[in-house]
Amino acid sequence: MDNPEPSLRVLIADDHPLFRLGLRAGLEGEGLAVVA
């Protein structure tokens, strides 16, 4: 998981469903499917 955004790392580490849904939609658009 080489995320350039430390804030995203924190959200992913938090593992909250809402955050995961939001990140998934945003990251998939950027080609970063680390939340999948």
PDB file of N, CA and C in Angstrom:
ATOM      1  N   MET A   1       0.843  -1.201   0.000  1.00  0.00           N
ATOM      2  CA  MET A   1       0.000   0.000   0.000  1.00  0.00           C
ATOM      3  C   MET A   1       0.877   1.248   0.000  1.00  0.00           C
ATOM      4  N   ASP A   2       1.254   1.703  -1.159  1.00  0.00           N
ATOM      5  CA  ASP A   2       2.074   2.918  -1.240  1.00  0.00           C
ATOM      6  C   ASP A   2       1.185   4.105  -1.561  1.00  0.00           C
ATOM      7  N   ASN A   3       0.481   4.577  -0.550  1.00  0.00           N
ATOM      8  CA  ASN A   3      -0.414   5.719  -0.726  1.00  0.00           C
ATOM      9  C   ASN A   3       0.343   7.024  -0.544  1.00  0.00           C
ATOM     10  N   PRO A   4       0.261   7.912  -1.523  1.00  0.00           N
ATOM     11  CA  PRO A   4       0.909   9.212  -1.411  1.00  0.00           C
ATOM     12  C   PRO A   4       0.205  10.104  -0.384  1.00  0.00           C
ATOM     13  N   GLU A   5      -1.052   9.775  -0.090  1.00  0.00           N
ATOM     14  CA  GLU A   5      -1.826  10.578   0.855  1.00  0.00           C
ATOM     15  C   GLU A   5      -1.880   9.900   2.223  1.00  0.00           C
ATOM     16  N   PRO A   6      -1.164  10.430   3.203  1.00  0.00           N
ATOM     17  CA  PRO A   6      -1.180   9.865   4.549  1.00  0.00           C
ATOM     18  C   PRO A   6      -2.580   9.903   5.171  1.00  0.00           C
ATOM     19  N   SER A   7      -3.366  10.899   4.782  1.00  0.00           N
ATOM     20  CA  SER A   7      -4.718  11.022   5.324  1.00  0.00           C
ATOM     21  C   SER A   7      -5.575   9.836   4.879  1.00  0.00           C
ATOM     22  N   LEU A   8      -5.394   9.416   3.628  1.00  0.00           N
ATOM     23  CA  LEU A   8      -6.142   8.257   3.135  1.00  0.00           C
ATOM     24  C   LEU A   8      -5.725   7.007   3.884  1.00  0.00           C
ATOM     25  N   ARG A   9      -4.448   6.921   4.169  1.00  0.00           N
ATOM     26  CA  ARG A   9      -3.938   5.768   4.925  1.00  0.00           C
ATOM     27  C   ARG A   9      -4.644   5.672   6.265  1.00  0.00           C
ATOM     28  N   VAL A  10      -4.813   6.806   6.911  1.00  0.00           N
ATOM     29  CA  VAL A  10      -5.465   6.828   8.221  1.00  0.00           C
ATOM     30  C   VAL A  10      -6.927   6.373   8.094  1.00  0.00           C
ATOM     31  N   LEU A  11      -7.601   6.852   7.059  1.00  0.00           N
ATOM     32  CA  LEU A  11      -8.997   6.488   6.867  1.00  0.00           C
ATOM     33  C   LEU A  11      -9.134   4.994   6.575  1.00  0.00           C
ATOM     34  N   ILE A  12      -8.246   4.484   5.749  1.00  0.00           N
ATOM     35  CA  ILE A  12      -8.275   3.058   5.412  1.00  0.00           C
ATOM     36  C   ILE A  12      -7.979   2.226   6.660  1.00  0.00           C
ATOM     37  N   ALA A  13      -7.032   2.695   7.453  1.00  0.00           N
ATOM     38  CA  ALA A  13      -6.675   1.986   8.675  1.00  0.00           C
ATOM     39  C   ALA A  13      -7.850   2.011   9.658  1.00  0.00           C
ATOM     40  N   ASP A  14      -8.623   3.092   9.593  1.00  0.00           N
ATOM     41  CA  ASP A  14      -9.797   3.217  10.453  1.00  0.00           C
ATOM     42  C   ASP A  14     -10.810   2.130  10.124  1.00  0.00           C
ATOM     43  N   ASP A  15     -10.889   1.789   8.834  1.00  0.00           N
ATOM     44  CA  ASP A  15     -11.733   0.680   8.384  1.00  0.00           C
ATOM     45  C   ASP A  15     -13.214   0.921   8.667  1.00  0.00           C
ATOM     46  N   HIS A  16     -13.656   2.166   8.612  1.00  0.00           N
ATOM     47  CA  HIS A  16     -15.074   2.464   8.785  1.00  0.00           C
ATOM     48  C   HIS A  16     -15.802   2.249   7.467  1.00  0.00           C
ATOM     49  N   PRO A  17     -16.961   1.607   7.499  1.00  0.00           N
ATOM     50  CA  PRO A  17     -17.741   1.312   6.286  1.00  0.00           C
ATOM     51  C   PRO A  17     -17.982   2.553   5.430  1.00  0.00           C
ATOM     52  N   LEU A  18     -18.350   3.655   6.068  1.00  0.00           N
ATOM     53  CA  LEU A  18     -18.627   4.877   5.317  1.00  0.00           C
ATOM     54  C   LEU A  18     -17.362   5.393   4.639  1.00  0.00           C
ATOM     55  N   PHE A  19     -16.264   5.356   5.363  1.00  0.00           N
ATOM     56  CA  PHE A  19     -14.998   5.808   4.791  1.00  0.00           C
ATOM     57  C   PHE A  19     -14.603   4.891   3.638  1.00  0.00           C
ATOM     58  N   ARG A  20     -14.782   3.583   3.828  1.00  0.00           N
ATOM     59  CA  ARG A  20     -14.413   2.607   2.804  1.00  0.00           C
ATOM     60  C   ARG A  20     -15.224   2.829   1.545  1.00  0.00           C
ATOM     61  N   LEU A  21     -16.516   3.090   1.709  1.00  0.00           N
ATOM     62  CA  LEU A  21     -17.373   3.327   0.541  1.00  0.00           C
ATOM     63  C   LEU A  21     -16.924   4.583  -0.198  1.00  0.00           C
ATOM     64  N   GLY A  22     -16.662   5.633   0.549  1.00  0.00           N
ATOM     65  CA  GLY A  22     -16.237   6.897  -0.052  1.00  0.00           C
ATOM     66  C   GLY A  22     -14.874   6.763  -0.708  1.00  0.00           C
ATOM     67  N   LEU A  23     -13.940   6.120  -0.015  1.00  0.00           N
ATOM     68  CA  LEU A  23     -12.598   5.941  -0.557  1.00  0.00           C
ATOM     69  C   LEU A  23     -12.633   5.031  -1.771  1.00  0.00           C
ATOM     70  N   ARG A  24     -13.440   3.999  -1.701  1.00  0.00           N
ATOM     71  CA  ARG A  24     -13.530   3.050  -2.801  1.00  0.00           C
ATOM     72  C   ARG A  24     -13.952   3.765  -4.086  1.00  0.00           C
ATOM     73  N   ALA A  25     -14.969   4.592  -3.974  1.00  0.00           N
ATOM     74  CA  ALA A  25     -15.447   5.332  -5.138  1.00  0.00           C
ATOM     75  C   ALA A  25     -14.377   6.287  -5.645  1.00  0.00           C
ATOM     76  N   GLY A  26     -13.695   6.957  -4.725  1.00  0.00           N
ATOM     77  CA  GLY A  26     -12.673   7.925  -5.115  1.00  0.00           C
ATOM     78  C   GLY A  26     -11.406   7.256  -5.615  1.00  0.00           C
ATOM     79  N   LEU A  27     -10.984   6.188  -4.940  1.00  0.00           N
ATOM     80  CA  LEU A  27      -9.737   5.519  -5.306  1.00  0.00           C
ATOM     81  C   LEU A  27      -9.878   4.748  -6.606  1.00  0.00           C
ATOM     82  N   GLU A  28     -11.041   4.162  -6.840  1.00  0.00           N
ATOM     83  CA  GLU A  28     -11.242   3.408  -8.067  1.00  0.00           C
ATOM     84  C   GLU A  28     -11.102   4.328  -9.267  1.00  0.00           C
ATOM     85  N   GLY A  29     -11.528   5.575  -9.108  1.00  0.00           N
ATOM     86  CA  GLY A  29     -11.415   6.551 -10.189  1.00  0.00           C
ATOM     87  C   GLY A  29      -9.955   6.890 -10.454  1.00  0.00           C
ATOM     88  N   GLU A  30      -9.104   6.716  -9.431  1.00  0.00           N
ATOM     89  CA  GLU A  30      -7.682   7.031  -9.568  1.00  0.00           C
ATOM     90  C   GLU A  30      -6.867   5.786  -9.873  1.00  0.00           C
ATOM     91  N   GLY A  31      -7.538   4.639  -9.910  1.00  0.00           N
ATOM     92  CA  GLY A  31      -6.829   3.400 -10.210  1.00  0.00           C
ATOM     93  C   GLY A  31      -6.132   2.829  -8.988  1.00  0.00           C
ATOM     94  N   LEU A  32      -6.538   3.298  -7.802  1.00  0.00           N
ATOM     95  CA  LEU A  32      -5.921   2.783  -6.570  1.00  0.00           C
ATOM     96  C   LEU A  32      -6.952   1.933  -5.832  1.00  0.00           C
ATOM     97  N   ALA A  33      -6.963   0.664  -6.131  1.00  0.00           N
ATOM     98  CA  ALA A  33      -7.949  -0.220  -5.512  1.00  0.00           C
ATOM     99  C   ALA A  33      -7.375  -0.871  -4.266  1.00  0.00           C
ATOM    100  N   VAL A  34      -6.940  -0.044  -3.311  1.00  0.00           N
ATOM    101  CA  VAL A  34      -6.333  -0.578  -2.093  1.00  0.00           C
ATOM    102  C   VAL A  34      -7.397  -0.886  -1.045  1.00  0.00           C
ATOM    103  N   VAL A  35      -8.606  -0.376  -1.270  1.00  0.00           N
ATOM    104  CA  VAL A  35      -9.676  -0.584  -0.300  1.00  0.00           C
ATOM    105  C   VAL A  35     -10.480  -1.834  -0.640  1.00  0.00           C
ATOM    106  N   ALA A  36     -10.304  -2.327  -1.851  1.00  0.00           N
ATOM    107  CA  ALA A  36     -11.087  -3.476  -2.321  1.00  0.00           C
ATOM    108  C   ALA A  36     -10.887  -4.677  -1.402  1.00  0.00           C
TER     109      ALA A  36
END
